[in-house]
Amino acid sequence: MATDLIELKNLGKTSVQWLNAVGIRTLEQLHAVGSVAAYCKVRDRGFKVSKVLLYAMEGALIGKHWNDLDEGHKRRLLQQVENFPSS
């Protein structure tokens, strides 16, 4: 099983650099933080992110391509981001 973020499905060099910049360096750390909180940390750090990053991280955690997440799952993720407490 991949523990290095760059080895995960959906995550490329830039995504991994953003995650590293907010202190997320391993799969275990990404699991502990979760895709929604990780997305919000990256966004709040000032990086120009799109919802695809959120989907990509979620897909990486569950072993799916981000585009294969069903629309309901994507809506729930976006709702969680909307309701995430501001830092």
PDB file of N, CA and C in Angstrom:
ATOM      1  N   MET A   1       0.844  -1.192   0.000  1.00  0.00           N
ATOM      2  CA  MET A   1       0.000   0.000   0.000  1.00  0.00           C
ATOM      3  C   MET A   1       0.884   1.249   0.000  1.00  0.00           C
ATOM      4  N   ALA A   2       0.537   2.217  -0.817  1.00  0.00           N
ATOM      5  CA  ALA A   2       1.309   3.450  -0.920  1.00  0.00           C
ATOM      6  C   ALA A   2       1.134   4.298   0.338  1.00  0.00           C
ATOM      7  N   THR A   3       2.236   4.792   0.857  1.00  0.00           N
ATOM      8  CA  THR A   3       2.156   5.721   1.977  1.00  0.00           C
ATOM      9  C   THR A   3       2.630   7.101   1.558  1.00  0.00           C
ATOM     10  N   ASP A   4       3.414   7.162   0.500  1.00  0.00           N
ATOM     11  CA  ASP A   4       3.877   8.433  -0.034  1.00  0.00           C
ATOM     12  C   ASP A   4       2.739   9.036  -0.858  1.00  0.00           C
ATOM     13  N   LEU A   5       2.416  10.292  -0.596  1.00  0.00           N
ATOM     14  CA  LEU A   5       1.271  10.926  -1.259  1.00  0.00           C
ATOM     15  C   LEU A   5       1.380  10.902  -2.776  1.00  0.00           C
ATOM     16  N   ILE A   6       2.581  11.075  -3.314  1.00  0.00           N
ATOM     17  CA  ILE A   6       2.733  11.128  -4.767  1.00  0.00           C
ATOM     18  C   ILE A   6       2.370   9.802  -5.420  1.00  0.00           C
ATOM     19  N   GLU A   7       2.369   8.726  -4.655  1.00  0.00           N
ATOM     20  CA  GLU A   7       2.035   7.414  -5.191  1.00  0.00           C
ATOM     21  C   GLU A   7       0.521   7.169  -5.242  1.00  0.00           C
ATOM     22  N   LEU A   8      -0.243   8.050  -4.640  1.00  0.00           N
ATOM     23  CA  LEU A   8      -1.685   7.843  -4.562  1.00  0.00           C
ATOM     24  C   LEU A   8      -2.387   8.237  -5.850  1.00  0.00           C
ATOM     25  N   LYS A   9      -3.465   7.532  -6.126  1.00  0.00           N
ATOM     26  CA  LYS A   9      -4.321   7.846  -7.260  1.00  0.00           C
ATOM     27  C   LYS A   9      -4.802   9.288  -7.109  1.00  0.00           C
ATOM     28  N   ASN A  10      -4.802  10.041  -8.173  1.00  0.00           N
ATOM     29  CA  ASN A  10      -5.349  11.400  -8.270  1.00  0.00           C
ATOM     30  C   ASN A  10      -4.413  12.526  -7.840  1.00  0.00           C
ATOM     31  N   LEU A  11      -3.370  12.235  -7.072  1.00  0.00           N
ATOM     32  CA  LEU A  11      -2.542  13.314  -6.544  1.00  0.00           C
ATOM     33  C   LEU A  11      -1.269  13.471  -7.366  1.00  0.00           C
ATOM     34  N   GLY A  12      -1.066  14.681  -7.852  1.00  0.00           N
ATOM     35  CA  GLY A  12       0.123  14.986  -8.628  1.00  0.00           C
ATOM     36  C   GLY A  12       1.089  15.849  -7.832  1.00  0.00           C
ATOM     37  N   LYS A  13       2.118  16.295  -8.500  1.00  0.00           N
ATOM     38  CA  LYS A  13       3.197  17.037  -7.850  1.00  0.00           C
ATOM     39  C   LYS A  13       2.685  18.295  -7.141  1.00  0.00           C
ATOM     40  N   THR A  14       1.873  19.078  -7.797  1.00  0.00           N
ATOM     41  CA  THR A  14       1.390  20.322  -7.196  1.00  0.00           C
ATOM     42  C   THR A  14       0.500  20.045  -5.995  1.00  0.00           C
ATOM     43  N   SER A  15      -0.407  19.101  -6.120  1.00  0.00           N
ATOM     44  CA  SER A  15      -1.284  18.750  -4.995  1.00  0.00           C
ATOM     45  C   SER A  15      -0.469  18.300  -3.793  1.00  0.00           C
ATOM     46  N   VAL A  16       0.531  17.482  -4.032  1.00  0.00           N
ATOM     47  CA  VAL A  16       1.382  16.987  -2.948  1.00  0.00           C
ATOM     48  C   VAL A  16       2.170  18.139  -2.326  1.00  0.00           C
ATOM     49  N   GLN A  17       2.663  19.055  -3.135  1.00  0.00           N
ATOM     50  CA  GLN A  17       3.384  20.209  -2.602  1.00  0.00           C
ATOM     51  C   GLN A  17       2.470  21.056  -1.710  1.00  0.00           C
ATOM     52  N   TRP A  18       1.231  21.261  -2.142  1.00  0.00           N
ATOM     53  CA  TRP A  18       0.269  22.021  -1.328  1.00  0.00           C
ATOM     54  C   TRP A  18       0.004  21.304  -0.001  1.00  0.00           C
ATOM     55  N   LEU A  19      -0.191  19.996  -0.067  1.00  0.00           N
ATOM     56  CA  LEU A  19      -0.441  19.236   1.157  1.00  0.00           C
ATOM     57  C   LEU A  19       0.771  19.309   2.087  1.00  0.00           C
ATOM     58  N   ASN A  20       1.949  19.166   1.528  1.00  0.00           N
ATOM     59  CA  ASN A  20       3.170  19.275   2.341  1.00  0.00           C
ATOM     60  C   ASN A  20       3.263  20.647   3.007  1.00  0.00           C
ATOM     61  N   ALA A  21       2.858  21.691   2.285  1.00  0.00           N
ATOM     62  CA  ALA A  21       2.932  23.059   2.811  1.00  0.00           C
ATOM     63  C   ALA A  21       2.031  23.263   4.030  1.00  0.00           C
ATOM     64  N   VAL A  22       0.993  22.443   4.151  1.00  0.00           N
ATOM     65  CA  VAL A  22       0.099  22.563   5.313  1.00  0.00           C
ATOM     66  C   VAL A  22       0.352  21.447   6.327  1.00  0.00           C
ATOM     67  N   GLY A  23       1.478  20.746   6.167  1.00  0.00           N
ATOM     68  CA  GLY A  23       1.895  19.754   7.152  1.00  0.00           C
ATOM     69  C   GLY A  23       1.385  18.341   6.933  1.00  0.00           C
ATOM     70  N   ILE A  24       0.815  18.074   5.768  1.00  0.00           N
ATOM     71  CA  ILE A  24       0.318  16.723   5.463  1.00  0.00           C
ATOM     72  C   ILE A  24       1.316  16.083   4.506  1.00  0.00           C
ATOM     73  N   ARG A  25       2.031  15.065   5.010  1.00  0.00           N
ATOM     74  CA  ARG A  25       3.119  14.471   4.235  1.00  0.00           C
ATOM     75  C   ARG A  25       2.959  12.991   3.962  1.00  0.00           C
ATOM     76  N   THR A  26       1.991  12.350   4.618  1.00  0.00           N
ATOM     77  CA  THR A  26       1.816  10.907   4.438  1.00  0.00           C
ATOM     78  C   THR A  26       0.339  10.575   4.277  1.00  0.00           C
ATOM     79  N   LEU A  27       0.100   9.384   3.778  1.00  0.00           N
ATOM     80  CA  LEU A  27      -1.270   8.893   3.662  1.00  0.00           C
ATOM     81  C   LEU A  27      -1.930   8.854   5.035  1.00  0.00           C
ATOM     82  N   GLU A  28      -1.192   8.442   6.033  1.00  0.00           N
ATOM     83  CA  GLU A  28      -1.739   8.363   7.384  1.00  0.00           C
ATOM     84  C   GLU A  28      -2.191   9.742   7.870  1.00  0.00           C
ATOM     85  N   GLN A  29      -1.403  10.755   7.579  1.00  0.00           N
ATOM     86  CA  GLN A  29      -1.780  12.115   7.981  1.00  0.00           C
ATOM     87  C   GLN A  29      -3.007  12.587   7.210  1.00  0.00           C
ATOM     88  N   LEU A  30      -3.069  12.268   5.926  1.00  0.00           N
ATOM     89  CA  LEU A  30      -4.231  12.648   5.130  1.00  0.00           C
ATOM     90  C   LEU A  30      -5.483  11.952   5.657  1.00  0.00           C
ATOM     91  N   HIS A  31      -5.370  10.680   5.998  1.00  0.00           N
ATOM     92  CA  HIS A  31      -6.498   9.954   6.589  1.00  0.00           C
ATOM     93  C   HIS A  31      -6.940  10.607   7.895  1.00  0.00           C
ATOM     94  N   ALA A  32      -5.968  10.950   8.736  1.00  0.00           N
ATOM     95  CA  ALA A  32      -6.281  11.527  10.048  1.00  0.00           C
ATOM     96  C   ALA A  32      -6.988  12.873   9.915  1.00  0.00           C
ATOM     97  N   VAL A  33      -6.563  13.672   8.958  1.00  0.00           N
ATOM     98  CA  VAL A  33      -7.144  15.006   8.757  1.00  0.00           C
ATOM     99  C   VAL A  33      -8.454  14.914   7.980  1.00  0.00           C
ATOM    100  N   GLY A  34      -8.477  14.040   6.979  1.00  0.00           N
ATOM    101  CA  GLY A  34      -9.651  13.907   6.119  1.00  0.00           C
ATOM    102  C   GLY A  34      -9.581  14.852   4.937  1.00  0.00           C
ATOM    103  N   SER A  35     -10.277  14.499   3.875  1.00  0.00           N
ATOM    104  CA  SER A  35     -10.192  15.275   2.640  1.00  0.00           C
ATOM    105  C   SER A  35     -10.770  16.677   2.790  1.00  0.00           C
ATOM    106  N   VAL A  36     -11.853  16.823   3.530  1.00  0.00           N
ATOM    107  CA  VAL A  36     -12.492  18.140   3.676  1.00  0.00           C
ATOM    108  C   VAL A  36     -11.576  19.092   4.439  1.00  0.00           C
ATOM    109  N   ALA A  37     -11.079  18.659   5.589  1.00  0.00           N
ATOM    110  CA  ALA A  37     -10.200  19.524   6.384  1.00  0.00           C
ATOM    111  C   ALA A  37      -8.902  19.816   5.638  1.00  0.00           C
ATOM    112  N   ALA A  38      -8.354  18.817   4.942  1.00  0.00           N
ATOM    113  CA  ALA A  38      -7.125  19.032   4.172  1.00  0.00           C
ATOM    114  C   ALA A  38      -7.364  20.067   3.080  1.00  0.00           C
ATOM    115  N   TYR A  39      -8.485  19.946   2.384  1.00  0.00           N
ATOM    116  CA  TYR A  39      -8.840  20.912   1.340  1.00  0.00           C
ATOM    117  C   TYR A  39      -8.932  22.320   1.926  1.00  0.00           C
ATOM    118  N   CYS A  40      -9.605  22.448   3.059  1.00  0.00           N
ATOM    119  CA  CYS A  40      -9.776  23.758   3.687  1.00  0.00           C
ATOM    120  C   CYS A  40      -8.435  24.329   4.152  1.00  0.00           C
ATOM    121  N   LYS A  41      -7.547  23.485   4.655  1.00  0.00           N
ATOM    122  CA  LYS A  41      -6.216  23.942   5.060  1.00  0.00           C
ATOM    123  C   LYS A  41      -5.447  24.492   3.857  1.00  0.00           C
ATOM    124  N   VAL A  42      -5.494  23.770   2.748  1.00  0.00           N
ATOM    125  CA  VAL A  42      -4.791  24.212   1.539  1.00  0.00           C
ATOM    126  C   VAL A  42      -5.401  25.511   1.023  1.00  0.00           C
ATOM    127  N   ARG A  43      -6.716  25.553   0.948  1.00  0.00           N
ATOM    128  CA  ARG A  43      -7.414  26.761   0.479  1.00  0.00           C
ATOM    129  C   ARG A  43      -7.098  27.953   1.376  1.00  0.00           C
ATOM    130  N   ASP A  44      -7.160  27.737   2.690  1.00  0.00           N
ATOM    131  CA  ASP A  44      -6.942  28.824   3.634  1.00  0.00           C
ATOM    132  C   ASP A  44      -5.490  29.292   3.666  1.00  0.00           C
ATOM    133  N   ARG A  45      -4.603  28.453   3.193  1.00  0.00           N
ATOM    134  CA  ARG A  45      -3.186  28.827   3.085  1.00  0.00           C
ATOM    135  C   ARG A  45      -2.976  29.800   1.922  1.00  0.00           C
ATOM    136  N   GLY A  46      -3.988  29.935   1.063  1.00  0.00           N
ATOM    137  CA  GLY A  46      -3.916  30.907  -0.017  1.00  0.00           C
ATOM    138  C   GLY A  46      -3.669  30.325  -1.392  1.00  0.00           C
ATOM    139  N   PHE A  47      -3.615  28.992  -1.471  1.00  0.00           N
ATOM    140  CA  PHE A  47      -3.424  28.374  -2.780  1.00  0.00           C
ATOM    141  C   PHE A  47      -4.728  28.430  -3.565  1.00  0.00           C
ATOM    142  N   LYS A  48      -4.619  28.617  -4.867  1.00  0.00           N
ATOM    143  CA  LYS A  48      -5.785  28.687  -5.747  1.00  0.00           C
ATOM    144  C   LYS A  48      -6.230  27.256  -6.056  1.00  0.00           C
ATOM    145  N   VAL A  49      -7.241  26.792  -5.316  1.00  0.00           N
ATOM    146  CA  VAL A  49      -7.700  25.409  -5.457  1.00  0.00           C
ATOM    147  C   VAL A  49      -9.072  25.371  -6.114  1.00  0.00           C
ATOM    148  N   SER A  50      -9.379  24.250  -6.705  1.00  0.00           N
ATOM    149  CA  SER A  50     -10.707  24.022  -7.247  1.00  0.00           C
ATOM    150  C   SER A  50     -11.308  22.828  -6.524  1.00  0.00           C
ATOM    151  N   LYS A  51     -12.568  22.602  -6.749  1.00  0.00           N
ATOM    152  CA  LYS A  51     -13.226  21.473  -6.095  1.00  0.00           C
ATOM    153  C   LYS A  51     -12.637  20.136  -6.546  1.00  0.00           C
ATOM    154  N   VAL A  52     -11.949  20.120  -7.667  1.00  0.00           N
ATOM    155  CA  VAL A  52     -11.316  18.879  -8.134  1.00  0.00           C
ATOM    156  C   VAL A  52     -10.272  18.403  -7.130  1.00  0.00           C
ATOM    157  N   LEU A  53      -9.573  19.332  -6.464  1.00  0.00           N
ATOM    158  CA  LEU A  53      -8.608  18.918  -5.443  1.00  0.00           C
ATOM    159  C   LEU A  53      -9.330  18.170  -4.320  1.00  0.00           C
ATOM    160  N   LEU A  54     -10.471  18.666  -3.908  1.00  0.00           N
ATOM    161  CA  LEU A  54     -11.266  18.000  -2.879  1.00  0.00           C
ATOM    162  C   LEU A  54     -11.638  16.593  -3.321  1.00  0.00           C
ATOM    163  N   TYR A  55     -12.151  16.474  -4.525  1.00  0.00           N
ATOM    164  CA  TYR A  55     -12.542  15.167  -5.060  1.00  0.00           C
ATOM    165  C   TYR A  55     -11.323  14.247  -5.206  1.00  0.00           C
ATOM    166  N   ALA A  56     -10.199  14.820  -5.639  1.00  0.00           N
ATOM    167  CA  ALA A  56      -8.984  14.022  -5.833  1.00  0.00           C
ATOM    168  C   ALA A  56      -8.501  13.439  -4.509  1.00  0.00           C
ATOM    169  N   MET A  57      -8.519  14.259  -3.462  1.00  0.00           N
ATOM    170  CA  MET A  57      -8.077  13.754  -2.158  1.00  0.00           C
ATOM    171  C   MET A  57      -9.035  12.702  -1.626  1.00  0.00           C
ATOM    172  N   GLU A  58     -10.313  12.928  -1.777  1.00  0.00           N
ATOM    173  CA  GLU A  58     -11.297  11.939  -1.335  1.00  0.00           C
ATOM    174  C   GLU A  58     -11.111  10.633  -2.106  1.00  0.00           C
ATOM    175  N   GLY A  59     -10.944  10.743  -3.414  1.00  0.00           N
ATOM    176  CA  GLY A  59     -10.715   9.558  -4.229  1.00  0.00           C
ATOM    177  C   GLY A  59      -9.439   8.836  -3.826  1.00  0.00           C
ATOM    178  N   ALA A  60      -8.389   9.598  -3.507  1.00  0.00           N
ATOM    179  CA  ALA A  60      -7.134   8.996  -3.069  1.00  0.00           C
ATOM    180  C   ALA A  60      -7.338   8.200  -1.782  1.00  0.00           C
ATOM    181  N   LEU A  61      -8.157   8.720  -0.896  1.00  0.00           N
ATOM    182  CA  LEU A  61      -8.401   8.038   0.377  1.00  0.00           C
ATOM    183  C   LEU A  61      -9.212   6.754   0.216  1.00  0.00           C
ATOM    184  N   ILE A  62     -10.087   6.732  -0.786  1.00  0.00           N
ATOM    185  CA  ILE A  62     -10.933   5.540  -0.952  1.00  0.00           C
ATOM    186  C   ILE A  62     -10.525   4.683  -2.147  1.00  0.00           C
ATOM    187  N   GLY A  63      -9.452   5.087  -2.834  1.00  0.00           N
ATOM    188  CA  GLY A  63      -8.927   4.280  -3.939  1.00  0.00           C
ATOM    189  C   GLY A  63      -9.736   4.347  -5.214  1.00  0.00           C
ATOM    190  N   LYS A  64     -10.334   5.516  -5.478  1.00  0.00           N
ATOM    191  CA  LYS A  64     -11.117   5.711  -6.702  1.00  0.00           C
ATOM    192  C   LYS A  64     -10.595   6.913  -7.465  1.00  0.00           C
ATOM    193  N   HIS A  65     -10.767   6.884  -8.776  1.00  0.00           N
ATOM    194  CA  HIS A  65     -10.489   8.082  -9.559  1.00  0.00           C
ATOM    195  C   HIS A  65     -11.520   9.127  -9.160  1.00  0.00           C
ATOM    196  N   TRP A  66     -11.095  10.379  -9.041  1.00  0.00           N
ATOM    197  CA  TRP A  66     -12.007  11.421  -8.559  1.00  0.00           C
ATOM    198  C   TRP A  66     -13.251  11.554  -9.423  1.00  0.00           C
ATOM    199  N   ASN A  67     -13.125  11.298 -10.707  1.00  0.00           N
ATOM    200  CA  ASN A  67     -14.266  11.439 -11.610  1.00  0.00           C
ATOM    201  C   ASN A  67     -15.278  10.306 -11.439  1.00  0.00           C
ATOM    202  N   ASP A  68     -14.878   9.245 -10.732  1.00  0.00           N
ATOM    203  CA  ASP A  68     -15.786   8.128 -10.488  1.00  0.00           C
ATOM    204  C   ASP A  68     -16.606   8.291  -9.218  1.00  0.00           C
ATOM    205  N   LEU A  69     -16.361   9.368  -8.466  1.00  0.00           N
ATOM    206  CA  LEU A  69     -17.201   9.632  -7.288  1.00  0.00           C
ATOM    207  C   LEU A  69     -18.595  10.005  -7.783  1.00  0.00           C
ATOM    208  N   ASP A  70     -19.626   9.442  -7.180  1.00  0.00           N
ATOM    209  CA  ASP A  70     -20.969   9.777  -7.644  1.00  0.00           C
ATOM    210  C   ASP A  70     -21.323  11.212  -7.240  1.00  0.00           C
ATOM    211  N   GLU A  71     -22.287  11.767  -7.928  1.00  0.00           N
ATOM    212  CA  GLU A  71     -22.655  13.176  -7.730  1.00  0.00           C
ATOM    213  C   GLU A  71     -23.117  13.463  -6.300  1.00  0.00           C
ATOM    214  N   GLY A  72     -23.792  12.517  -5.693  1.00  0.00           N
ATOM    215  CA  GLY A  72     -24.227  12.693  -4.310  1.00  0.00           C
ATOM    216  C   GLY A  72     -23.048  12.818  -3.366  1.00  0.00           C
ATOM    217  N   HIS A  73     -22.044  11.992  -3.585  1.00  0.00           N
ATOM    218  CA  HIS A  73     -20.831  12.035  -2.766  1.00  0.00           C
ATOM    219  C   HIS A  73     -20.153  13.391  -2.929  1.00  0.00           C
ATOM    220  N   LYS A  74     -20.055  13.866  -4.158  1.00  0.00           N
ATOM    221  CA  LYS A  74     -19.435  15.163  -4.426  1.00  0.00           C
ATOM    222  C   LYS A  74     -20.221  16.289  -3.752  1.00  0.00           C
ATOM    223  N   ARG A  75     -21.535  16.224  -3.821  1.00  0.00           N
ATOM    224  CA  ARG A  75     -22.368  17.258  -3.168  1.00  0.00           C
ATOM    225  C   ARG A  75     -22.159  17.260  -1.657  1.00  0.00           C
ATOM    226  N   ARG A  76     -22.095  16.070  -1.060  1.00  0.00           N
ATOM    227  CA  ARG A  76     -21.877  15.987   0.391  1.00  0.00           C
ATOM    228  C   ARG A  76     -20.523  16.588   0.773  1.00  0.00           C
ATOM    229  N   LEU A  77     -19.510  16.318  -0.023  1.00  0.00           N
ATOM    230  CA  LEU A  77     -18.188  16.896   0.252  1.00  0.00           C
ATOM    231  C   LEU A  77     -18.233  18.419   0.185  1.00  0.00           C
ATOM    232  N   LEU A  78     -18.876  18.944  -0.843  1.00  0.00           N
ATOM    233  CA  LEU A  78     -18.969  20.403  -0.989  1.00  0.00           C
ATOM    234  C   LEU A  78     -19.754  21.030   0.165  1.00  0.00           C
ATOM    235  N   GLN A  79     -20.796  20.344   0.610  1.00  0.00           N
ATOM    236  CA  GLN A  79     -21.588  20.821   1.753  1.00  0.00           C
ATOM    237  C   GLN A  79     -20.725  20.852   3.016  1.00  0.00           C
ATOM    238  N   GLN A  80     -19.913  19.828   3.195  1.00  0.00           N
ATOM    239  CA  GLN A  80     -19.027  19.779   4.357  1.00  0.00           C
ATOM    240  C   GLN A  80     -18.000  20.925   4.313  1.00  0.00           C
ATOM    241  N   VAL A  81     -17.505  21.228   3.130  1.00  0.00           N
ATOM    242  CA  VAL A  81     -16.564  22.348   2.990  1.00  0.00           C
ATOM    243  C   VAL A  81     -17.270  23.648   3.364  1.00  0.00           C
ATOM    244  N   GLU A  82     -18.492  23.807   2.882  1.00  0.00           N
ATOM    245  CA  GLU A  82     -19.266  25.018   3.173  1.00  0.00           C
ATOM    246  C   GLU A  82     -19.484  25.195   4.675  1.00  0.00           C
ATOM    247  N   ASN A  83     -19.682  24.098   5.371  1.00  0.00           N
ATOM    248  CA  ASN A  83     -19.969  24.137   6.805  1.00  0.00           C
ATOM    249  C   ASN A  83     -18.728  24.025   7.678  1.00  0.00           C
ATOM    250  N   PHE A  84     -17.542  23.911   7.052  1.00  0.00           N
ATOM    251  CA  PHE A  84     -16.317  23.728   7.821  1.00  0.00           C
ATOM    252  C   PHE A  84     -15.990  25.028   8.559  1.00  0.00           C
ATOM    253  N   PRO A  85     -15.663  24.917   9.836  1.00  0.00           N
ATOM    254  CA  PRO A  85     -15.353  26.137  10.608  1.00  0.00           C
ATOM    255  C   PRO A  85     -14.152  26.877  10.024  1.00  0.00           C
ATOM    256  N   SER A  86     -14.260  28.172   9.972  1.00  0.00           N
ATOM    257  CA  SER A  86     -13.150  29.000   9.471  1.00  0.00           C
ATOM    258  C   SER A  86     -11.994  28.972  10.454  1.00  0.00           C
ATOM    259  N   SER A  87     -10.793  29.069   9.900  1.00  0.00           N
ATOM    260  CA  SER A  87      -9.622  29.052  10.796  1.00  0.00           C
ATOM    261  C   SER A  87      -9.244  30.451  11.216  1.00  0.00           C
TER     262      SER A  87
END
